Amino acid sequence: MNWYKQAQLKKKVLNVEKFDGYEVRTEDTQVGNDEDGRVEMESAYADSGCYIGDVETAKMLIEEKGIAPEASCDDHDVCSIGFEEESQNWWGWSHRAMSNFGIGDEPVAATPSGNETQYDGPAKTLDQAKQYAIEFADSVS
C-alpha cells in the first residue's frame, strides 16, 4: 500500500475549522459497506488540502515546530515533509519517526531492517536537504 495516498473512503465533511496553516475537518467516514461502519472523526489538512493526520500532529508540526507540511511529490495526498523557516531545515516523517535536514547536515536514514544508510555527504543546498527529508520519510513509512 502506498502510505502517501489516503485510503479511498466515503467521507462527508460535517464541519471545517480554520487555523493558521491548516484546517480541522470533522468528517463522517464510512469504513466498510454497511451503515454500521460509519465513524465521525476529526482530521487535519494543510492549506494545500494535503492530509496531515490527527489534530495533535498538526498542532505539533505547525504550532510548536513551525513546520509548513506538504506532500513529497505531486501525486501524493498525505503530508510527509515540511519546511521550517526559522531554522532553514526540511523535515521528513511518518507515523514512526521524524528527522530534520539542513545545509551542512550529513543525514542518516533508517532502512526497513532498522540499519542505517549513509547518504552522499553533507547537504550543500536546501534542495538537497529537501531530498534528504523525502528519502528519510520514504525510509520510515
N, C-alpha and C. Protein backbone atom coordinates (compact mmCIF):
# COMPACT_ATOMS: atom_id res chain seq x y z
N MET A 1 0.84 -1.19 0.00
CA MET A 1 0.00 0.00 0.00
C MET A 1 0.88 1.24 0.00
N ASN A 2 0.51 2.23 -0.75
CA ASN A 2 1.23 3.50 -0.78
C ASN A 2 0.73 4.35 0.39
N TRP A 3 1.56 4.55 1.38
CA TRP A 3 1.16 5.28 2.59
C TRP A 3 0.99 6.77 2.32
N TYR A 4 1.39 7.23 1.14
CA TYR A 4 1.27 8.65 0.82
C TYR A 4 -0.03 8.95 0.08
N LYS A 5 -0.87 7.94 -0.10
CA LYS A 5 -2.19 8.13 -0.70
C LYS A 5 -3.21 7.69 0.34
N GLN A 6 -4.16 8.55 0.62
CA GLN A 6 -5.19 8.20 1.59
C GLN A 6 -6.05 7.06 1.04
N ALA A 7 -6.49 6.22 1.94
CA ALA A 7 -7.42 5.16 1.55
C ALA A 7 -8.68 5.81 0.97
N GLN A 8 -9.23 5.21 -0.03
CA GLN A 8 -10.43 5.76 -0.67
C GLN A 8 -11.66 5.38 0.15
N LEU A 9 -11.98 6.22 1.10
CA LEU A 9 -13.13 6.01 1.97
C LEU A 9 -14.22 7.00 1.60
N LYS A 10 -15.46 6.65 1.85
CA LYS A 10 -16.55 7.57 1.62
C LYS A 10 -16.60 8.53 2.79
N LYS A 11 -16.40 9.82 2.49
CA LYS A 11 -16.37 10.83 3.55
C LYS A 11 -17.35 11.95 3.24
N LYS A 12 -17.94 12.46 4.31
CA LYS A 12 -18.79 13.64 4.21
C LYS A 12 -18.27 14.64 5.24
N VAL A 13 -17.91 15.84 4.79
CA VAL A 13 -17.40 16.86 5.70
C VAL A 13 -18.59 17.50 6.42
N LEU A 14 -18.55 17.43 7.76
CA LEU A 14 -19.62 17.97 8.58
C LEU A 14 -19.30 19.38 9.07
N ASN A 15 -18.02 19.66 9.28
CA ASN A 15 -17.60 20.96 9.81
C ASN A 15 -16.14 21.21 9.45
N VAL A 16 -15.78 22.47 9.24
CA VAL A 16 -14.40 22.86 8.97
C VAL A 16 -14.05 24.01 9.89
N GLU A 17 -12.94 23.86 10.61
CA GLU A 17 -12.43 24.92 11.48
C GLU A 17 -11.05 25.31 10.97
N LYS A 18 -10.86 26.58 10.61
CA LYS A 18 -9.62 27.08 10.02
C LYS A 18 -8.65 27.57 11.10
N PHE A 19 -7.38 27.23 10.90
CA PHE A 19 -6.29 27.70 11.75
C PHE A 19 -5.18 28.22 10.84
N ASP A 20 -4.19 28.85 11.40
CA ASP A 20 -3.06 29.36 10.61
C ASP A 20 -2.24 28.19 10.08
N GLY A 21 -2.30 27.92 8.78
CA GLY A 21 -1.51 26.86 8.16
C GLY A 21 -2.22 25.54 7.98
N TYR A 22 -3.41 25.39 8.57
CA TYR A 22 -4.13 24.12 8.43
C TYR A 22 -5.60 24.30 8.79
N GLU A 23 -6.37 23.27 8.52
CA GLU A 23 -7.76 23.26 8.93
C GLU A 23 -8.08 21.89 9.52
N VAL A 24 -9.06 21.90 10.40
CA VAL A 24 -9.53 20.66 11.02
C VAL A 24 -10.93 20.39 10.46
N ARG A 25 -11.08 19.21 9.87
CA ARG A 25 -12.37 18.81 9.31
C ARG A 25 -12.98 17.71 10.18
N THR A 26 -14.22 17.91 10.57
CA THR A 26 -14.98 16.84 11.20
C THR A 26 -15.66 16.11 10.05
N GLU A 27 -15.37 14.82 9.95
CA GLU A 27 -15.84 14.04 8.81
C GLU A 27 -16.64 12.82 9.26
N ASP A 28 -17.71 12.57 8.55
CA ASP A 28 -18.47 11.33 8.73
C ASP A 28 -17.88 10.37 7.69
N THR A 29 -17.21 9.33 8.16
CA THR A 29 -16.49 8.41 7.27
C THR A 29 -17.11 7.03 7.34
N GLN A 30 -17.34 6.47 6.17
CA GLN A 30 -17.86 5.10 6.10
C GLN A 30 -16.72 4.15 5.81
N VAL A 31 -16.49 3.23 6.73
CA VAL A 31 -15.48 2.18 6.55
C VAL A 31 -16.23 0.87 6.42
N GLY A 32 -16.09 0.24 5.32
CA GLY A 32 -16.87 -0.97 5.06
C GLY A 32 -18.06 -0.65 4.19
N ASN A 33 -18.93 -1.63 4.01
CA ASN A 33 -20.02 -1.48 3.06
C ASN A 33 -21.39 -1.23 3.68
N ASP A 34 -21.48 -1.22 5.00
CA ASP A 34 -22.79 -1.01 5.60
C ASP A 34 -22.77 0.19 6.54
N GLU A 35 -23.95 0.61 6.97
CA GLU A 35 -24.08 1.78 7.83
C GLU A 35 -23.41 1.59 9.19
N ASP A 36 -23.21 0.35 9.64
CA ASP A 36 -22.56 0.10 10.93
C ASP A 36 -21.10 0.52 10.91
N GLY A 37 -20.53 0.67 9.73
CA GLY A 37 -19.13 1.02 9.60
C GLY A 37 -18.89 2.52 9.51
N ARG A 38 -19.82 3.31 10.00
CA ARG A 38 -19.66 4.77 9.95
C ARG A 38 -19.02 5.28 11.25
N VAL A 39 -18.12 6.24 11.09
CA VAL A 39 -17.46 6.83 12.25
C VAL A 39 -17.27 8.33 11.99
N GLU A 40 -17.42 9.12 13.04
CA GLU A 40 -17.18 10.55 12.94
C GLU A 40 -15.81 10.83 13.52
N MET A 41 -14.97 11.53 12.76
CA MET A 41 -13.61 11.80 13.23
C MET A 41 -13.13 13.17 12.79
N GLU A 42 -12.15 13.69 13.53
CA GLU A 42 -11.52 14.96 13.17
C GLU A 42 -10.17 14.66 12.53
N SER A 43 -9.91 15.30 11.40
CA SER A 43 -8.64 15.14 10.70
C SER A 43 -8.12 16.52 10.32
N ALA A 44 -6.80 16.64 10.27
CA ALA A 44 -6.17 17.91 9.92
C ALA A 44 -5.63 17.85 8.50
N TYR A 45 -5.79 18.97 7.79
CA TYR A 45 -5.33 19.12 6.42
C TYR A 45 -4.55 20.41 6.28
N ALA A 46 -3.46 20.38 5.52
CA ALA A 46 -2.68 21.58 5.23
C ALA A 46 -3.51 22.51 4.36
N ASP A 47 -3.10 23.76 4.26
CA ASP A 47 -3.82 24.71 3.42
C ASP A 47 -3.91 24.24 1.97
N SER A 48 -2.96 23.42 1.55
CA SER A 48 -2.95 22.88 0.19
C SER A 48 -4.00 21.79 -0.02
N GLY A 49 -4.60 21.30 1.08
CA GLY A 49 -5.56 20.21 1.01
C GLY A 49 -4.94 18.86 1.32
N CYS A 50 -3.64 18.83 1.49
CA CYS A 50 -2.89 17.61 1.78
C CYS A 50 -3.20 17.15 3.22
N TYR A 51 -3.47 15.86 3.39
CA TYR A 51 -3.79 15.28 4.70
C TYR A 51 -2.58 15.30 5.61
N ILE A 52 -2.73 15.84 6.82
CA ILE A 52 -1.65 15.86 7.81
C ILE A 52 -1.78 14.67 8.75
N GLY A 53 -2.97 14.47 9.29
CA GLY A 53 -3.20 13.42 10.26
C GLY A 53 -4.16 13.90 11.32
N ASP A 54 -3.93 13.48 12.55
CA ASP A 54 -4.81 13.90 13.63
C ASP A 54 -4.49 15.34 14.04
N VAL A 55 -5.36 15.92 14.83
CA VAL A 55 -5.23 17.32 15.24
C VAL A 55 -3.95 17.54 16.05
N GLU A 56 -3.60 16.60 16.92
CA GLU A 56 -2.40 16.74 17.74
C GLU A 56 -1.14 16.80 16.87
N THR A 57 -1.09 16.00 15.82
CA THR A 57 0.05 16.01 14.91
C THR A 57 0.16 17.36 14.21
N ALA A 58 -0.95 17.90 13.75
CA ALA A 58 -0.94 19.21 13.09
C ALA A 58 -0.46 20.30 14.04
N LYS A 59 -0.94 20.28 15.27
CA LYS A 59 -0.50 21.27 16.26
C LYS A 59 0.99 21.17 16.53
N MET A 60 1.49 19.95 16.67
CA MET A 60 2.91 19.75 16.93
C MET A 60 3.75 20.26 15.76
N LEU A 61 3.38 19.88 14.54
CA LEU A 61 4.16 20.28 13.37
C LEU A 61 4.11 21.78 13.14
N ILE A 62 2.92 22.34 13.11
CA ILE A 62 2.74 23.72 12.68
C ILE A 62 2.89 24.71 13.82
N GLU A 63 2.18 24.49 14.91
CA GLU A 63 2.18 25.46 16.00
C GLU A 63 3.44 25.37 16.87
N GLU A 64 3.88 24.16 17.19
CA GLU A 64 5.03 24.01 18.08
C GLU A 64 6.37 24.09 17.35
N LYS A 65 6.48 23.43 16.20
CA LYS A 65 7.76 23.38 15.49
C LYS A 65 7.87 24.40 14.36
N GLY A 66 6.76 25.00 13.94
CA GLY A 66 6.81 25.99 12.86
C GLY A 66 7.05 25.39 11.48
N ILE A 67 6.65 24.15 11.30
CA ILE A 67 6.85 23.45 10.02
C ILE A 67 5.63 23.68 9.13
N ALA A 68 5.88 23.93 7.85
CA ALA A 68 4.81 24.03 6.85
C ALA A 68 4.72 22.69 6.12
N PRO A 69 3.78 21.81 6.49
CA PRO A 69 3.70 20.47 5.92
C PRO A 69 3.30 20.49 4.44
N GLU A 70 3.83 19.51 3.69
CA GLU A 70 3.47 19.36 2.29
C GLU A 70 3.68 17.91 1.88
N ALA A 71 3.12 17.56 0.75
CA ALA A 71 3.34 16.23 0.18
C ALA A 71 4.73 16.20 -0.44
N SER A 72 5.34 15.04 -0.47
CA SER A 72 6.71 14.94 -1.00
C SER A 72 6.76 14.95 -2.52
N CYS A 73 5.63 14.71 -3.18
CA CYS A 73 5.56 14.84 -4.64
C CYS A 73 4.12 15.08 -5.05
N ASP A 74 3.91 15.46 -6.29
CA ASP A 74 2.60 15.90 -6.76
C ASP A 74 1.52 14.81 -6.69
N ASP A 75 1.89 13.54 -6.81
CA ASP A 75 0.85 12.50 -6.82
C ASP A 75 0.54 11.94 -5.43
N HIS A 76 1.11 12.54 -4.38
CA HIS A 76 0.79 12.15 -3.00
C HIS A 76 -0.24 13.10 -2.43
N ASP A 77 -1.10 12.62 -1.56
CA ASP A 77 -2.06 13.49 -0.90
C ASP A 77 -1.94 13.44 0.63
N VAL A 78 -0.84 12.88 1.12
CA VAL A 78 -0.53 12.84 2.54
C VAL A 78 0.77 13.60 2.77
N CYS A 79 0.77 14.53 3.73
CA CYS A 79 1.98 15.30 4.04
C CYS A 79 3.00 14.41 4.74
N SER A 80 4.23 14.40 4.23
CA SER A 80 5.30 13.62 4.88
C SER A 80 6.59 14.42 4.98
N ILE A 81 6.59 15.64 4.47
CA ILE A 81 7.75 16.52 4.61
C ILE A 81 7.24 17.93 4.89
N GLY A 82 8.15 18.80 5.32
CA GLY A 82 7.78 20.19 5.53
C GLY A 82 9.00 21.04 5.80
N PHE A 83 8.86 22.33 5.55
CA PHE A 83 9.96 23.27 5.74
C PHE A 83 9.74 24.10 6.99
N GLU A 84 10.81 24.25 7.77
CA GLU A 84 10.79 25.09 8.98
C GLU A 84 11.61 26.34 8.67
N GLU A 85 10.94 27.44 8.46
CA GLU A 85 11.56 28.70 8.04
C GLU A 85 12.64 29.18 9.03
N GLU A 86 12.33 29.16 10.31
CA GLU A 86 13.24 29.72 11.31
C GLU A 86 14.61 29.05 11.30
N SER A 87 14.64 27.74 11.23
CA SER A 87 15.92 27.01 11.25
C SER A 87 16.45 26.71 9.86
N GLN A 88 15.64 26.99 8.83
CA GLN A 88 16.00 26.68 7.44
C GLN A 88 16.28 25.18 7.29
N ASN A 89 15.40 24.38 7.89
CA ASN A 89 15.51 22.92 7.82
C ASN A 89 14.29 22.32 7.15
N TRP A 90 14.55 21.26 6.39
CA TRP A 90 13.48 20.41 5.87
C TRP A 90 13.31 19.25 6.84
N TRP A 91 12.06 18.88 7.08
CA TRP A 91 11.73 17.76 7.95
C TRP A 91 11.09 16.66 7.13
N GLY A 92 11.35 15.42 7.50
CA GLY A 92 10.69 14.27 6.92
C GLY A 92 10.14 13.43 8.06
N TRP A 93 8.98 12.79 7.85
CA TRP A 93 8.38 12.00 8.92
C TRP A 93 7.42 10.96 8.38
N SER A 94 7.08 10.07 9.26
CA SER A 94 5.95 9.15 9.08
C SER A 94 5.37 8.96 10.48
N HIS A 95 4.52 7.98 10.63
CA HIS A 95 3.96 7.69 11.94
C HIS A 95 5.02 7.08 12.86
N ARG A 96 6.17 6.68 12.33
CA ARG A 96 7.21 6.01 13.12
C ARG A 96 8.34 6.91 13.60
N ALA A 97 8.72 7.88 12.78
CA ALA A 97 9.91 8.68 13.11
C ALA A 97 9.86 10.02 12.40
N MET A 98 10.71 10.94 12.86
CA MET A 98 10.78 12.29 12.32
C MET A 98 12.22 12.77 12.42
N SER A 99 12.70 13.46 11.37
CA SER A 99 14.06 14.00 11.41
C SER A 99 14.14 15.24 10.54
N ASN A 100 15.11 16.11 10.86
CA ASN A 100 15.29 17.34 10.10
C ASN A 100 16.64 17.37 9.40
N PHE A 101 16.69 18.15 8.30
CA PHE A 101 17.87 18.22 7.45
C PHE A 101 18.08 19.65 6.97
N GLY A 102 19.30 20.15 7.15
CA GLY A 102 19.64 21.48 6.69
C GLY A 102 20.97 21.47 5.97
N ILE A 103 21.37 22.62 5.48
CA ILE A 103 22.65 22.74 4.80
C ILE A 103 23.76 22.36 5.79
N GLY A 104 24.66 21.51 5.33
CA GLY A 104 25.77 21.05 6.16
C GLY A 104 25.50 19.77 6.91
N ASP A 105 24.24 19.35 6.95
CA ASP A 105 23.90 18.11 7.64
C ASP A 105 24.32 16.91 6.80
N GLU A 106 24.77 15.90 7.48
CA GLU A 106 25.09 14.63 6.84
C GLU A 106 24.05 13.63 7.31
N PRO A 107 22.92 13.56 6.59
CA PRO A 107 21.79 12.77 7.09
C PRO A 107 22.00 11.28 7.03
N VAL A 108 21.31 10.63 7.93
CA VAL A 108 21.29 9.18 8.01
C VAL A 108 19.83 8.78 8.05
N ALA A 109 19.45 7.78 7.26
CA ALA A 109 18.06 7.31 7.25
C ALA A 109 18.01 5.87 7.70
N ALA A 110 16.96 5.54 8.39
CA ALA A 110 16.75 4.15 8.81
C ALA A 110 16.17 3.36 7.64
N THR A 111 16.66 2.17 7.45
CA THR A 111 16.11 1.28 6.44
C THR A 111 15.04 0.41 7.10
N PRO A 112 14.19 -0.26 6.33
CA PRO A 112 13.17 -1.12 6.95
C PRO A 112 13.74 -2.16 7.91
N SER A 113 14.99 -2.56 7.71
CA SER A 113 15.60 -3.55 8.59
C SER A 113 16.06 -2.94 9.90
N GLY A 114 16.03 -1.60 9.99
CA GLY A 114 16.49 -0.92 11.20
C GLY A 114 17.95 -0.49 11.11
N ASN A 115 18.63 -0.89 10.05
CA ASN A 115 20.01 -0.45 9.85
C ASN A 115 20.02 0.99 9.36
N GLU A 116 21.17 1.62 9.42
CA GLU A 116 21.26 2.99 8.94
C GLU A 116 21.99 3.01 7.60
N THR A 117 21.56 3.92 6.73
CA THR A 117 22.16 4.08 5.41
C THR A 117 22.73 5.48 5.32
N GLN A 118 23.98 5.62 4.98
CA GLN A 118 24.61 6.92 4.84
C GLN A 118 24.37 7.46 3.43
N TYR A 119 24.04 8.74 3.31
CA TYR A 119 23.84 9.37 2.00
C TYR A 119 25.17 9.90 1.46
N ASP A 120 25.08 10.72 0.42
CA ASP A 120 26.26 11.17 -0.33
C ASP A 120 27.08 12.26 0.33
N GLY A 121 26.92 12.54 1.56
CA GLY A 121 27.67 13.61 2.22
C GLY A 121 26.75 14.73 2.64
N PRO A 122 27.34 15.77 3.19
CA PRO A 122 26.51 16.87 3.72
C PRO A 122 25.72 17.58 2.62
N ALA A 123 24.54 18.04 2.99
CA ALA A 123 23.69 18.80 2.05
C ALA A 123 24.37 20.13 1.76
N LYS A 124 24.45 20.45 0.49
CA LYS A 124 25.08 21.71 0.07
C LYS A 124 24.04 22.79 -0.24
N THR A 125 22.80 22.38 -0.48
CA THR A 125 21.72 23.32 -0.78
C THR A 125 20.45 22.89 -0.03
N LEU A 126 19.49 23.81 0.03
CA LEU A 126 18.21 23.45 0.64
C LEU A 126 17.46 22.43 -0.21
N ASP A 127 17.66 22.47 -1.53
CA ASP A 127 17.03 21.45 -2.38
C ASP A 127 17.56 20.06 -2.05
N GLN A 128 18.86 19.97 -1.78
CA GLN A 128 19.44 18.68 -1.40
C GLN A 128 18.93 18.26 -0.02
N ALA A 129 18.81 19.20 0.90
CA ALA A 129 18.27 18.90 2.23
C ALA A 129 16.82 18.42 2.10
N LYS A 130 16.05 19.02 1.19
CA LYS A 130 14.68 18.58 0.95
C LYS A 130 14.67 17.14 0.44
N GLN A 131 15.58 16.82 -0.46
CA GLN A 131 15.65 15.45 -0.98
C GLN A 131 15.99 14.47 0.14
N TYR A 132 16.86 14.86 1.05
CA TYR A 132 17.18 14.01 2.20
C TYR A 132 15.94 13.78 3.06
N ALA A 133 15.12 14.84 3.24
CA ALA A 133 13.89 14.71 4.03
C ALA A 133 12.92 13.74 3.33
N ILE A 134 12.82 13.84 2.01
CA ILE A 134 11.95 12.93 1.25
C ILE A 134 12.43 11.49 1.41
N GLU A 135 13.72 11.28 1.26
CA GLU A 135 14.28 9.92 1.39
C GLU A 135 14.10 9.37 2.79
N PHE A 136 14.26 10.23 3.78
CA PHE A 136 14.04 9.78 5.17
C PHE A 136 12.58 9.37 5.36
N ALA A 137 11.65 10.22 4.92
CA ALA A 137 10.23 9.91 5.07
C ALA A 137 9.90 8.59 4.38
N ASP A 138 10.45 8.38 3.19
CA ASP A 138 10.23 7.12 2.48
C ASP A 138 10.79 5.93 3.28
N SER A 139 11.93 6.14 3.91
CA SER A 139 12.60 5.03 4.61
C SER A 139 11.88 4.61 5.89
N VAL A 140 11.08 5.51 6.47
CA VAL A 140 10.40 5.18 7.72
C VAL A 140 8.89 4.98 7.56
N SER A 141 8.44 5.03 6.33
CA SER A 141 6.98 4.88 6.10
C SER A 141 6.57 3.42 6.10
